[in-house]
N, C-alpha and C. Protein backbone atom coordinates (compact mmCIF):
# COMPACT_ATOMS: atom_id res chain seq x y z
N UNK A 1 9.51 1.24 1.00
CA UNK A 1 11.01 1.82 1.14
C UNK A 1 11.69 0.92 -0.03
N UNK A 2 12.68 1.62 -0.37
CA UNK A 2 13.53 1.04 -1.44
C UNK A 2 15.02 0.54 -0.57
N UNK A 3 15.43 -0.47 -0.74
CA UNK A 3 16.63 -0.71 -0.33
C UNK A 3 17.83 -0.37 -1.16
N UNK A 4 19.01 -0.76 -0.99
CA UNK A 4 20.26 -0.27 -1.77
C UNK A 4 20.26 -0.91 -3.22
N UNK A 5 19.56 -1.86 -3.31
CA UNK A 5 19.35 -2.38 -4.67
C UNK A 5 18.39 -2.03 -5.45
N UNK A 6 17.57 -0.96 -4.86
CA UNK A 6 16.40 -0.57 -5.66
C UNK A 6 15.23 -1.09 -5.54
N UNK A 7 15.07 -2.26 -4.71
CA UNK A 7 13.92 -3.29 -4.65
C UNK A 7 13.06 -2.52 -3.42
N UNK A 8 11.96 -2.82 -3.61
CA UNK A 8 10.84 -2.19 -2.68
C UNK A 8 10.81 -3.28 -1.63
N UNK A 9 10.76 -2.89 -0.33
CA UNK A 9 10.53 -3.88 0.79
C UNK A 9 9.71 -2.91 1.75
N UNK A 10 8.97 -3.89 2.81
CA UNK A 10 8.12 -3.15 3.91
C UNK A 10 8.91 -2.90 4.90
N UNK A 11 8.69 -1.61 5.33
CA UNK A 11 9.24 -1.05 6.65
C UNK A 11 8.20 -0.99 7.74
N UNK A 12 8.41 -1.97 8.61
CA UNK A 12 7.31 -1.92 9.78
C UNK A 12 7.40 -0.84 10.81
N UNK A 13 6.07 -0.36 11.01
CA UNK A 13 6.04 0.84 12.03
C UNK A 13 6.05 0.28 13.43
N UNK A 14 5.68 -0.86 13.78
CA UNK A 14 5.64 -1.56 14.90
C UNK A 14 5.12 -3.03 14.67
N UNK A 15 5.08 -3.77 15.73
CA UNK A 15 4.93 -5.11 15.93
C UNK A 15 4.27 -5.36 17.19
N UNK A 16 3.46 -6.48 17.14
CA UNK A 16 2.71 -6.84 18.38
C UNK A 16 2.58 -8.52 18.30
N UNK A 17 2.49 -9.25 19.41
CA UNK A 17 2.23 -10.62 19.48
C UNK A 17 0.93 -10.98 20.12
N UNK A 18 0.66 -12.18 19.76
CA UNK A 18 -0.64 -12.88 20.23
C UNK A 18 -0.30 -14.19 20.45
N UNK A 19 -0.81 -14.74 21.62
CA UNK A 19 -0.53 -16.19 21.94
C UNK A 19 -1.34 -17.23 20.90
N UNK A 20 -0.65 -18.16 20.58
CA UNK A 20 -1.33 -19.18 19.71
C UNK A 20 -1.78 -20.54 20.75
N UNK A 21 -2.65 -21.14 20.20
CA UNK A 21 -3.07 -22.37 21.00
C UNK A 21 -2.15 -23.27 21.35
N UNK A 22 -1.11 -23.35 20.85
CA UNK A 22 0.08 -24.25 21.19
C UNK A 22 0.87 -23.79 22.10
N UNK A 23 0.83 -22.43 22.59
CA UNK A 23 1.74 -21.81 23.62
C UNK A 23 2.75 -20.81 23.00
N UNK A 24 2.91 -20.97 21.75
CA UNK A 24 3.93 -20.05 20.99
C UNK A 24 3.31 -18.66 20.74
N UNK A 25 4.24 -17.74 20.27
CA UNK A 25 3.39 -16.33 20.08
C UNK A 25 3.51 -16.10 18.48
N UNK A 26 2.50 -15.68 18.08
CA UNK A 26 2.38 -15.11 16.83
C UNK A 26 2.72 -13.45 16.57
N UNK A 27 3.73 -13.25 15.61
CA UNK A 27 4.35 -12.09 15.69
C UNK A 27 3.49 -11.31 14.42
N UNK A 28 2.68 -10.11 14.67
CA UNK A 28 2.08 -9.41 13.58
C UNK A 28 2.78 -8.06 13.49
N UNK A 29 3.14 -7.89 12.28
CA UNK A 29 3.88 -6.71 11.78
C UNK A 29 2.91 -5.56 11.34
N UNK A 30 3.23 -4.36 11.75
CA UNK A 30 2.23 -3.18 11.48
C UNK A 30 2.86 -2.19 10.39
N UNK A 31 2.45 -2.35 9.28
CA UNK A 31 3.03 -1.35 8.25
C UNK A 31 2.96 0.02 8.49
N UNK A 32 4.06 0.75 8.19
CA UNK A 32 3.76 2.38 8.44
C UNK A 32 3.16 2.94 7.25
N UNK A 33 2.81 4.22 7.47
CA UNK A 33 1.93 4.96 6.84
C UNK A 33 2.36 4.91 5.28
N UNK A 34 3.73 5.25 4.81
CA UNK A 34 4.19 5.08 3.59
C UNK A 34 3.77 3.85 2.86
N UNK A 35 4.35 2.81 3.62
CA UNK A 35 3.97 1.45 3.07
C UNK A 35 2.40 1.11 2.80
N UNK A 36 1.51 1.60 3.75
CA UNK A 36 0.10 1.62 3.37
C UNK A 36 -0.31 2.43 2.23
N UNK A 37 0.28 3.58 2.14
CA UNK A 37 -0.05 4.32 0.89
C UNK A 37 0.42 3.62 -0.61
N UNK A 38 1.56 2.94 -0.47
CA UNK A 38 2.23 2.37 -1.60
C UNK A 38 1.27 1.13 -1.73
N UNK A 39 1.05 0.23 -0.82
CA UNK A 39 0.09 -1.02 -1.12
C UNK A 39 -1.21 -0.52 -1.56
N UNK A 40 -1.81 0.56 -1.03
CA UNK A 40 -3.15 1.05 -1.71
C UNK A 40 -3.04 1.32 -3.17
N UNK A 41 -1.80 2.17 -3.41
CA UNK A 41 -1.67 2.60 -4.75
C UNK A 41 -1.52 1.33 -5.76
N UNK A 42 -0.73 0.24 -5.35
CA UNK A 42 -0.55 -0.86 -6.07
C UNK A 42 -2.01 -1.58 -6.39
N UNK A 43 -2.70 -1.72 -5.09
CA UNK A 43 -3.95 -2.34 -5.25
C UNK A 43 -4.84 -1.74 -6.28
N UNK A 44 -4.95 -0.34 -6.25
CA UNK A 44 -5.78 0.37 -7.22
C UNK A 44 -5.40 0.20 -8.63
N UNK A 45 -4.02 -0.01 -8.89
CA UNK A 45 -3.63 -0.15 -10.29
C UNK A 45 -3.71 -1.53 -10.79
N UNK A 46 -3.73 -2.42 -9.78
CA UNK A 46 -3.52 -3.77 -10.31
C UNK A 46 -5.01 -4.43 -10.40
N UNK A 47 -5.80 -4.06 -9.32
CA UNK A 47 -7.17 -4.62 -9.15
C UNK A 47 -8.05 -4.59 -10.34
N UNK A 48 -8.26 -3.60 -11.11
CA UNK A 48 -8.84 -3.53 -12.47
C UNK A 48 -8.55 -4.58 -13.27
N UNK A 49 -7.25 -4.78 -13.66
CA UNK A 49 -6.69 -5.56 -14.54
C UNK A 49 -7.10 -7.21 -14.11
N UNK A 50 -6.61 -7.39 -13.01
CA UNK A 50 -6.91 -8.74 -12.36
C UNK A 50 -8.24 -9.21 -12.27
N UNK A 51 -8.99 -8.33 -11.98
CA UNK A 51 -10.46 -8.46 -11.53
C UNK A 51 -11.27 -9.31 -12.57
N UNK A 52 -10.89 -8.89 -13.84
CA UNK A 52 -11.69 -9.72 -15.04
C UNK A 52 -11.35 -10.96 -15.30
N UNK A 53 -9.99 -11.31 -14.59
CA UNK A 53 -9.51 -12.74 -14.71
C UNK A 53 -10.10 -13.66 -13.73
N UNK A 54 -10.72 -13.13 -12.70
CA UNK A 54 -11.32 -14.07 -11.65
C UNK A 54 -12.72 -14.70 -11.99
N UNK A 55 -13.12 -15.79 -11.61
CA UNK A 55 -14.35 -16.30 -11.96
C UNK A 55 -15.51 -15.61 -11.19
N UNK A 56 -16.68 -15.37 -11.71
CA UNK A 56 -17.60 -14.50 -11.29
C UNK A 56 -18.15 -14.83 -9.87
N UNK A 57 -17.92 -16.23 -9.63
CA UNK A 57 -18.53 -16.77 -8.38
C UNK A 57 -17.29 -16.73 -7.46
N UNK A 58 -16.21 -16.32 -7.66
CA UNK A 58 -15.04 -16.36 -6.85
C UNK A 58 -15.49 -15.09 -5.79
N UNK A 59 -15.30 -15.42 -4.38
CA UNK A 59 -15.66 -14.45 -3.46
C UNK A 59 -14.27 -14.15 -2.43
N UNK A 60 -13.08 -14.72 -2.73
CA UNK A 60 -12.15 -14.73 -1.77
C UNK A 60 -11.17 -13.49 -2.02
N UNK A 61 -10.47 -13.03 -1.00
CA UNK A 61 -9.44 -12.00 -1.23
C UNK A 61 -10.17 -10.94 -1.23
N UNK A 62 -11.10 -10.49 -0.58
CA UNK A 62 -11.67 -9.19 -0.29
C UNK A 62 -12.03 -8.46 -1.79
N UNK A 63 -12.61 -9.26 -2.52
CA UNK A 63 -13.02 -8.87 -3.86
C UNK A 63 -14.03 -7.59 -3.68
N UNK A 64 -14.14 -6.81 -4.64
CA UNK A 64 -15.10 -5.74 -4.49
C UNK A 64 -16.41 -6.31 -4.75
N UNK A 65 -17.43 -5.69 -3.92
CA UNK A 65 -18.90 -6.21 -3.92
C UNK A 65 -19.11 -7.64 -3.54
N UNK A 66 -18.08 -8.29 -2.94
CA UNK A 66 -18.40 -9.60 -2.64
C UNK A 66 -17.84 -9.84 -1.20
N UNK A 67 -18.49 -10.67 -0.41
CA UNK A 67 -18.53 -10.91 0.97
C UNK A 67 -18.71 -12.24 1.31
N UNK A 68 -18.45 -12.64 2.56
CA UNK A 68 -19.12 -13.95 3.05
C UNK A 68 -20.42 -14.40 2.84
N UNK A 69 -21.32 -13.13 2.95
CA UNK A 69 -22.51 -13.29 2.71
C UNK A 69 -22.93 -13.66 1.44
N UNK A 70 -22.25 -12.98 0.57
CA UNK A 70 -22.35 -13.37 -0.83
C UNK A 70 -22.11 -14.80 -1.20
N UNK A 71 -20.99 -15.40 -0.63
CA UNK A 71 -20.51 -16.52 -0.93
C UNK A 71 -21.41 -17.54 -0.52
N UNK A 72 -22.15 -17.40 0.92
CA UNK A 72 -23.21 -18.22 1.37
C UNK A 72 -24.40 -18.45 0.45
N UNK A 73 -24.81 -17.06 -0.12
CA UNK A 73 -25.93 -17.10 -0.85
C UNK A 73 -25.67 -17.66 -2.36
N UNK A 74 -24.45 -17.76 -2.84
CA UNK A 74 -23.98 -18.53 -3.84
C UNK A 74 -24.23 -20.03 -3.65
N UNK A 75 -23.56 -20.50 -2.52
CA UNK A 75 -23.66 -21.80 -2.35
C UNK A 75 -25.07 -22.64 -2.03
N UNK A 76 -25.76 -21.57 -1.62
CA UNK A 76 -27.17 -22.01 -1.23
C UNK A 76 -28.10 -22.20 -2.64
N UNK A 77 -27.65 -21.45 -3.75
CA UNK A 77 -28.33 -21.51 -4.98
C UNK A 77 -28.21 -22.89 -5.41
């Protein structure tokens, strides 16, 4: 969503809470459909550009064709 200044901001569709170990609550925001579409479009535009900058052994942040299992295999080598 765009605010009055023309900046993009996330509009939450809903929210839920989950108890933390210390007794406080953690708030989870659930993005609405329009924001999910914008987020996916941004990912599809930026991922090919940034992917080439990452080290080939880097497995974080849900990189394509990489997983926890890939990271474990890499460490065991």
